[in-house]
N, C-alpha and C. Protein backbone atom coordinates (compact mmCIF):
# COMPACT_ATOMS: atom_id res chain seq x y z
N UNK A 1 -44.48 0.64 -33.52
CA UNK A 1 -44.40 -0.18 -32.35
C UNK A 1 -42.99 -0.04 -31.75
N UNK A 2 -42.93 0.16 -30.44
CA UNK A 2 -41.61 0.31 -29.81
C UNK A 2 -41.03 -1.05 -29.46
N UNK A 3 -39.72 -1.13 -29.57
CA UNK A 3 -39.04 -2.39 -29.27
C UNK A 3 -38.89 -2.54 -27.76
N UNK A 4 -39.07 -3.75 -27.28
CA UNK A 4 -38.90 -4.03 -25.87
C UNK A 4 -37.41 -4.22 -25.58
N UNK A 5 -36.87 -3.44 -24.68
CA UNK A 5 -35.48 -3.60 -24.28
C UNK A 5 -35.42 -4.42 -22.99
N UNK A 6 -34.38 -5.24 -22.86
CA UNK A 6 -34.26 -5.97 -21.59
C UNK A 6 -34.04 -5.00 -20.44
N UNK A 7 -34.66 -5.29 -19.30
CA UNK A 7 -34.50 -4.43 -18.14
C UNK A 7 -33.11 -4.61 -17.56
N UNK A 8 -32.52 -3.49 -17.16
CA UNK A 8 -31.19 -3.53 -16.56
C UNK A 8 -31.32 -3.64 -15.05
N UNK A 9 -30.27 -4.19 -14.46
CA UNK A 9 -30.18 -4.27 -13.02
C UNK A 9 -30.00 -2.84 -12.49
N UNK A 10 -30.69 -2.50 -11.40
CA UNK A 10 -30.56 -1.17 -10.82
C UNK A 10 -29.12 -0.97 -10.33
N UNK A 11 -28.63 0.26 -10.47
CA UNK A 11 -27.26 0.58 -10.11
C UNK A 11 -27.26 1.72 -9.09
N UNK A 12 -26.39 1.63 -8.10
CA UNK A 12 -26.26 2.73 -7.15
C UNK A 12 -25.53 3.88 -7.83
N UNK A 13 -25.58 5.04 -7.21
CA UNK A 13 -24.87 6.20 -7.76
C UNK A 13 -23.37 5.92 -7.83
N UNK A 14 -22.85 5.25 -6.80
CA UNK A 14 -21.42 4.91 -6.79
C UNK A 14 -21.07 3.97 -7.94
N UNK A 15 -21.90 2.94 -8.16
CA UNK A 15 -21.65 2.00 -9.26
C UNK A 15 -21.71 2.70 -10.61
N UNK A 16 -22.70 3.58 -10.77
CA UNK A 16 -22.85 4.31 -12.03
C UNK A 16 -21.65 5.22 -12.26
N UNK A 17 -21.17 5.86 -11.20
CA UNK A 17 -20.02 6.75 -11.32
C UNK A 17 -18.77 5.98 -11.71
N UNK A 18 -18.56 4.85 -11.06
CA UNK A 18 -17.39 4.03 -11.36
C UNK A 18 -17.48 3.47 -12.78
N UNK A 19 -18.66 3.01 -13.16
CA UNK A 19 -18.87 2.50 -14.51
C UNK A 19 -18.58 3.60 -15.54
N UNK A 20 -19.07 4.79 -15.27
CA UNK A 20 -18.85 5.93 -16.16
C UNK A 20 -17.36 6.25 -16.25
N UNK A 21 -16.65 6.18 -15.11
CA UNK A 21 -15.22 6.46 -15.10
C UNK A 21 -14.48 5.48 -16.01
N UNK A 22 -14.81 4.19 -15.92
CA UNK A 22 -14.13 3.19 -16.73
C UNK A 22 -14.48 3.34 -18.21
N UNK A 23 -15.72 3.73 -18.50
CA UNK A 23 -16.09 3.94 -19.90
C UNK A 23 -15.30 5.11 -20.49
N UNK A 24 -15.15 6.17 -19.71
CA UNK A 24 -14.38 7.32 -20.17
C UNK A 24 -12.91 6.93 -20.34
N UNK A 25 -12.38 6.16 -19.38
CA UNK A 25 -10.99 5.71 -19.48
C UNK A 25 -10.79 4.88 -20.74
N UNK A 26 -11.77 4.03 -21.07
CA UNK A 26 -11.67 3.21 -22.28
C UNK A 26 -11.67 4.09 -23.53
N UNK A 27 -12.53 5.10 -23.54
CA UNK A 27 -12.56 6.02 -24.69
C UNK A 27 -11.24 6.75 -24.85
N UNK A 28 -10.67 7.19 -23.74
CA UNK A 28 -9.37 7.87 -23.78
C UNK A 28 -8.32 6.92 -24.35
N UNK A 29 -8.35 5.69 -23.91
CA UNK A 29 -7.38 4.69 -24.38
C UNK A 29 -7.52 4.48 -25.90
N UNK A 30 -8.76 4.40 -26.38
CA UNK A 30 -8.99 4.21 -27.82
C UNK A 30 -8.48 5.42 -28.60
N UNK A 31 -8.78 6.62 -28.12
CA UNK A 31 -8.30 7.83 -28.79
C UNK A 31 -6.78 7.86 -28.88
N UNK A 32 -6.13 7.46 -27.78
CA UNK A 32 -4.67 7.45 -27.79
C UNK A 32 -4.13 6.37 -28.72
N UNK A 33 -4.70 5.18 -28.68
CA UNK A 33 -4.24 4.09 -29.55
C UNK A 33 -4.41 4.43 -31.02
N UNK A 34 -5.46 5.18 -31.34
CA UNK A 34 -5.69 5.58 -32.73
C UNK A 34 -4.82 6.76 -33.13
N UNK A 35 -4.09 7.32 -32.17
CA UNK A 35 -3.21 8.44 -32.46
C UNK A 35 -3.93 9.76 -32.61
N UNK A 36 -5.16 9.84 -32.10
CA UNK A 36 -5.94 11.07 -32.23
C UNK A 36 -5.60 12.09 -31.15
N UNK A 37 -5.10 11.63 -30.02
CA UNK A 37 -4.66 12.53 -28.96
C UNK A 37 -3.80 11.74 -27.98
N UNK A 38 -3.19 12.49 -27.05
CA UNK A 38 -2.42 11.87 -25.99
C UNK A 38 -3.20 12.01 -24.69
N UNK A 39 -2.97 11.13 -23.76
CA UNK A 39 -3.65 11.22 -22.47
C UNK A 39 -3.33 12.53 -21.78
N UNK A 40 -2.09 12.99 -21.94
CA UNK A 40 -1.70 14.26 -21.33
C UNK A 40 -2.52 15.42 -21.89
N UNK A 41 -2.85 15.37 -23.19
CA UNK A 41 -3.69 16.42 -23.79
C UNK A 41 -5.04 16.48 -23.08
N UNK A 42 -5.62 15.30 -22.86
CA UNK A 42 -6.91 15.25 -22.18
C UNK A 42 -6.80 15.70 -20.74
N UNK A 43 -5.71 15.33 -20.07
CA UNK A 43 -5.49 15.77 -18.70
C UNK A 43 -5.42 17.30 -18.64
N UNK A 44 -4.72 17.91 -19.60
CA UNK A 44 -4.60 19.37 -19.65
C UNK A 44 -5.96 20.02 -19.84
N UNK A 45 -6.80 19.44 -20.70
CA UNK A 45 -8.14 19.99 -20.95
C UNK A 45 -9.00 19.86 -19.69
N UNK A 46 -8.91 18.73 -19.02
CA UNK A 46 -9.67 18.53 -17.78
C UNK A 46 -9.24 19.56 -16.73
N UNK A 47 -7.93 19.77 -16.60
CA UNK A 47 -7.42 20.76 -15.65
C UNK A 47 -7.97 22.15 -15.98
N UNK A 48 -8.03 22.46 -17.27
CA UNK A 48 -8.56 23.75 -17.73
C UNK A 48 -10.05 23.88 -17.35
N UNK A 49 -10.82 22.82 -17.59
CA UNK A 49 -12.24 22.82 -17.22
C UNK A 49 -12.43 22.99 -15.71
N UNK A 50 -11.57 22.33 -14.94
CA UNK A 50 -11.68 22.44 -13.48
C UNK A 50 -11.40 23.86 -13.00
N UNK A 51 -10.47 24.54 -13.66
CA UNK A 51 -10.18 25.93 -13.29
C UNK A 51 -11.38 26.82 -13.58
N UNK A 52 -12.07 26.56 -14.69
CA UNK A 52 -13.23 27.36 -15.08
C UNK A 52 -14.45 27.06 -14.21
N UNK A 53 -14.51 25.84 -13.66
CA UNK A 53 -15.66 25.41 -12.86
C UNK A 53 -15.19 24.87 -11.51
N UNK A 54 -14.70 25.75 -10.63
CA UNK A 54 -14.12 25.25 -9.38
C UNK A 54 -15.11 24.51 -8.49
N UNK A 55 -16.39 24.83 -8.56
CA UNK A 55 -17.38 24.14 -7.71
C UNK A 55 -17.54 22.69 -8.13
N UNK A 56 -17.25 22.39 -9.38
CA UNK A 56 -17.40 21.02 -9.88
C UNK A 56 -16.16 20.18 -9.61
N UNK A 57 -15.17 20.77 -8.98
CA UNK A 57 -13.90 20.08 -8.76
C UNK A 57 -14.06 18.91 -7.79
N UNK A 58 -13.50 17.80 -8.17
CA UNK A 58 -13.51 16.60 -7.34
C UNK A 58 -12.10 16.43 -6.80
N UNK A 59 -11.96 16.07 -5.52
CA UNK A 59 -10.61 15.88 -4.99
C UNK A 59 -9.83 14.88 -5.83
N UNK A 60 -8.55 15.13 -6.01
CA UNK A 60 -7.69 14.27 -6.83
C UNK A 60 -7.72 12.81 -6.38
N UNK A 61 -7.95 12.60 -5.09
CA UNK A 61 -7.90 11.24 -4.54
C UNK A 61 -9.24 10.50 -4.64
N UNK A 62 -10.28 11.15 -5.15
CA UNK A 62 -11.59 10.51 -5.18
C UNK A 62 -11.62 9.29 -6.08
N UNK A 63 -10.99 9.38 -7.23
CA UNK A 63 -10.97 8.28 -8.18
C UNK A 63 -9.57 8.13 -8.74
N UNK A 64 -9.16 6.91 -9.03
CA UNK A 64 -7.84 6.75 -9.66
C UNK A 64 -7.86 7.33 -11.06
N UNK A 65 -6.79 7.97 -11.43
CA UNK A 65 -6.71 8.55 -12.77
C UNK A 65 -5.97 7.57 -13.66
N UNK A 66 -6.66 7.03 -14.67
CA UNK A 66 -6.05 5.97 -15.49
C UNK A 66 -4.76 6.36 -16.17
N UNK A 67 -4.55 7.64 -16.43
CA UNK A 67 -3.37 8.05 -17.18
C UNK A 67 -2.11 8.10 -16.31
N UNK A 68 -2.22 7.89 -14.98
CA UNK A 68 -1.03 7.89 -14.15
C UNK A 68 -0.60 6.46 -13.78
N UNK A 69 -1.29 5.48 -14.32
CA UNK A 69 -0.94 4.10 -14.04
C UNK A 69 0.28 3.68 -14.84
N UNK A 70 1.03 2.73 -14.30
CA UNK A 70 2.18 2.22 -15.02
C UNK A 70 1.71 1.26 -16.11
N UNK A 71 2.61 0.91 -17.01
CA UNK A 71 2.28 -0.05 -18.06
C UNK A 71 1.83 -1.38 -17.48
N UNK A 72 2.52 -1.83 -16.44
CA UNK A 72 2.17 -3.10 -15.80
C UNK A 72 0.77 -3.03 -15.21
N UNK A 73 0.47 -1.94 -14.52
CA UNK A 73 -0.87 -1.78 -13.93
C UNK A 73 -1.94 -1.76 -15.01
N UNK A 74 -1.67 -1.04 -16.10
CA UNK A 74 -2.63 -1.00 -17.20
C UNK A 74 -2.86 -2.39 -17.78
N UNK A 75 -1.81 -3.18 -17.94
CA UNK A 75 -1.91 -4.53 -18.48
C UNK A 75 -2.76 -5.41 -17.55
N UNK A 76 -2.50 -5.31 -16.25
CA UNK A 76 -3.27 -6.10 -15.28
C UNK A 76 -4.74 -5.70 -15.32
N UNK A 77 -5.01 -4.40 -15.37
CA UNK A 77 -6.40 -3.93 -15.42
C UNK A 77 -7.08 -4.42 -16.70
N UNK A 78 -6.39 -4.31 -17.83
CA UNK A 78 -6.95 -4.79 -19.09
C UNK A 78 -7.28 -6.28 -19.01
N UNK A 79 -6.35 -7.05 -18.44
CA UNK A 79 -6.57 -8.50 -18.31
C UNK A 79 -7.75 -8.81 -17.38
N UNK A 80 -7.84 -8.06 -16.28
CA UNK A 80 -8.93 -8.30 -15.33
C UNK A 80 -10.28 -7.94 -15.96
N UNK A 81 -10.33 -6.81 -16.66
CA UNK A 81 -11.58 -6.42 -17.32
C UNK A 81 -11.99 -7.44 -18.38
N UNK A 82 -11.01 -7.95 -19.11
CA UNK A 82 -11.31 -8.98 -20.12
C UNK A 82 -11.87 -10.22 -19.46
N UNK A 83 -11.28 -10.64 -18.34
CA UNK A 83 -11.79 -11.81 -17.61
C UNK A 83 -13.24 -11.60 -17.15
N UNK A 84 -13.50 -10.42 -16.58
CA UNK A 84 -14.85 -10.12 -16.10
C UNK A 84 -15.85 -10.13 -17.26
N UNK A 85 -15.46 -9.51 -18.36
CA UNK A 85 -16.34 -9.45 -19.53
C UNK A 85 -16.53 -10.83 -20.17
N UNK A 86 -15.45 -11.58 -20.30
CA UNK A 86 -15.53 -12.92 -20.91
C UNK A 86 -16.40 -13.87 -20.12
N UNK A 87 -16.49 -13.63 -18.82
CA UNK A 87 -17.32 -14.48 -17.98
C UNK A 87 -18.73 -13.92 -17.80
N UNK A 88 -19.04 -12.84 -18.48
CA UNK A 88 -20.39 -12.29 -18.50
C UNK A 88 -20.86 -11.67 -17.20
N UNK A 89 -19.93 -11.21 -16.36
CA UNK A 89 -20.33 -10.60 -15.10
C UNK A 89 -20.90 -9.20 -15.33
N UNK A 90 -21.94 -8.88 -14.58
CA UNK A 90 -22.49 -7.53 -14.63
C UNK A 90 -21.58 -6.61 -13.84
N UNK A 91 -21.82 -5.31 -13.93
CA UNK A 91 -21.03 -4.35 -13.17
C UNK A 91 -21.15 -4.64 -11.67
N UNK A 92 -22.36 -4.95 -11.22
CA UNK A 92 -22.59 -5.24 -9.81
C UNK A 92 -21.84 -6.50 -9.37
N UNK A 93 -21.91 -7.55 -10.18
CA UNK A 93 -21.21 -8.79 -9.85
C UNK A 93 -19.70 -8.58 -9.86
N UNK A 94 -19.21 -7.82 -10.82
CA UNK A 94 -17.78 -7.53 -10.89
C UNK A 94 -17.32 -6.77 -9.66
N UNK A 95 -18.09 -5.78 -9.26
CA UNK A 95 -17.75 -4.99 -8.08
C UNK A 95 -17.71 -5.87 -6.84
N UNK A 96 -18.70 -6.74 -6.67
CA UNK A 96 -18.72 -7.64 -5.51
C UNK A 96 -17.51 -8.57 -5.52
N UNK A 97 -17.18 -9.09 -6.69
CA UNK A 97 -16.03 -9.98 -6.80
C UNK A 97 -14.74 -9.27 -6.43
N UNK A 98 -14.56 -8.05 -6.95
CA UNK A 98 -13.35 -7.30 -6.67
C UNK A 98 -13.26 -6.88 -5.20
N UNK A 99 -14.41 -6.60 -4.58
CA UNK A 99 -14.42 -6.30 -3.14
C UNK A 99 -13.99 -7.53 -2.34
N UNK A 100 -14.47 -8.71 -2.74
CA UNK A 100 -14.05 -9.95 -2.07
C UNK A 100 -12.56 -10.16 -2.24
N UNK A 101 -12.05 -9.92 -3.42
CA UNK A 101 -10.62 -10.06 -3.68
C UNK A 101 -9.83 -9.10 -2.79
N UNK A 102 -10.32 -7.87 -2.65
CA UNK A 102 -9.67 -6.90 -1.78
C UNK A 102 -9.60 -7.39 -0.34
N UNK A 103 -10.69 -7.99 0.14
CA UNK A 103 -10.70 -8.52 1.50
C UNK A 103 -9.71 -9.67 1.65
N UNK A 104 -9.62 -10.53 0.64
CA UNK A 104 -8.65 -11.65 0.67
C UNK A 104 -7.22 -11.10 0.74
N UNK A 105 -6.94 -10.06 -0.04
CA UNK A 105 -5.60 -9.46 -0.03
C UNK A 105 -5.31 -8.85 1.35
N UNK A 106 -6.30 -8.17 1.94
CA UNK A 106 -6.12 -7.59 3.27
C UNK A 106 -5.83 -8.67 4.31
N UNK A 107 -6.54 -9.79 4.23
CA UNK A 107 -6.30 -10.90 5.16
C UNK A 107 -4.88 -11.41 4.98
N UNK A 108 -4.44 -11.55 3.73
CA UNK A 108 -3.07 -11.99 3.45
C UNK A 108 -2.04 -11.03 4.05
N UNK A 109 -2.31 -9.73 3.95
CA UNK A 109 -1.40 -8.74 4.53
C UNK A 109 -1.32 -8.89 6.04
N UNK A 110 -2.50 -9.05 6.67
CA UNK A 110 -2.52 -9.19 8.13
C UNK A 110 -1.80 -10.45 8.57
N UNK A 111 -2.01 -11.54 7.83
CA UNK A 111 -1.35 -12.79 8.18
C UNK A 111 0.16 -12.69 8.02
N UNK A 112 0.60 -11.99 6.97
CA UNK A 112 2.05 -11.87 6.76
C UNK A 112 2.68 -10.99 7.83
N UNK A 113 1.95 -10.03 8.38
CA UNK A 113 2.48 -9.18 9.45
C UNK A 113 2.61 -9.97 10.75
N UNK A 114 1.68 -10.91 10.96
CA UNK A 114 1.69 -11.72 12.18
C UNK A 114 2.73 -12.83 12.14
N UNK A 115 3.25 -13.15 10.95
CA UNK A 115 4.20 -14.23 10.80
C UNK A 115 5.62 -13.73 11.09
N UNK A 116 6.30 -14.46 11.94
CA UNK A 116 7.71 -14.11 12.22
C UNK A 116 8.60 -15.16 11.58
N UNK A 117 9.70 -14.74 11.06
CA UNK A 117 10.62 -15.66 10.39
C UNK A 117 11.77 -16.01 11.29
């Protein structure tokens, strides 16, 4: 008898790609923390693969590369991911929340530009 698995929420290709990117970034982080490799080693291997498969090359600006983030940025991202996970948000809910946050930040930027001191 097969076990019934809970149905997952449908994901767009963009959501799946972003989710996959973060999962890979987490694996890289674990490998580095365990001392099994350095992020630069993985970057070098990726660069090598891209040279061998130029058609599969994605523009450098398409996705943020986790290994070029500063320590502060990594800490903030870790804290944000922990908050999202601790509150049980799905990938879709997390994405919507972060998009709303981005819009709030943009509004703040526009308001600060309009303010004269």
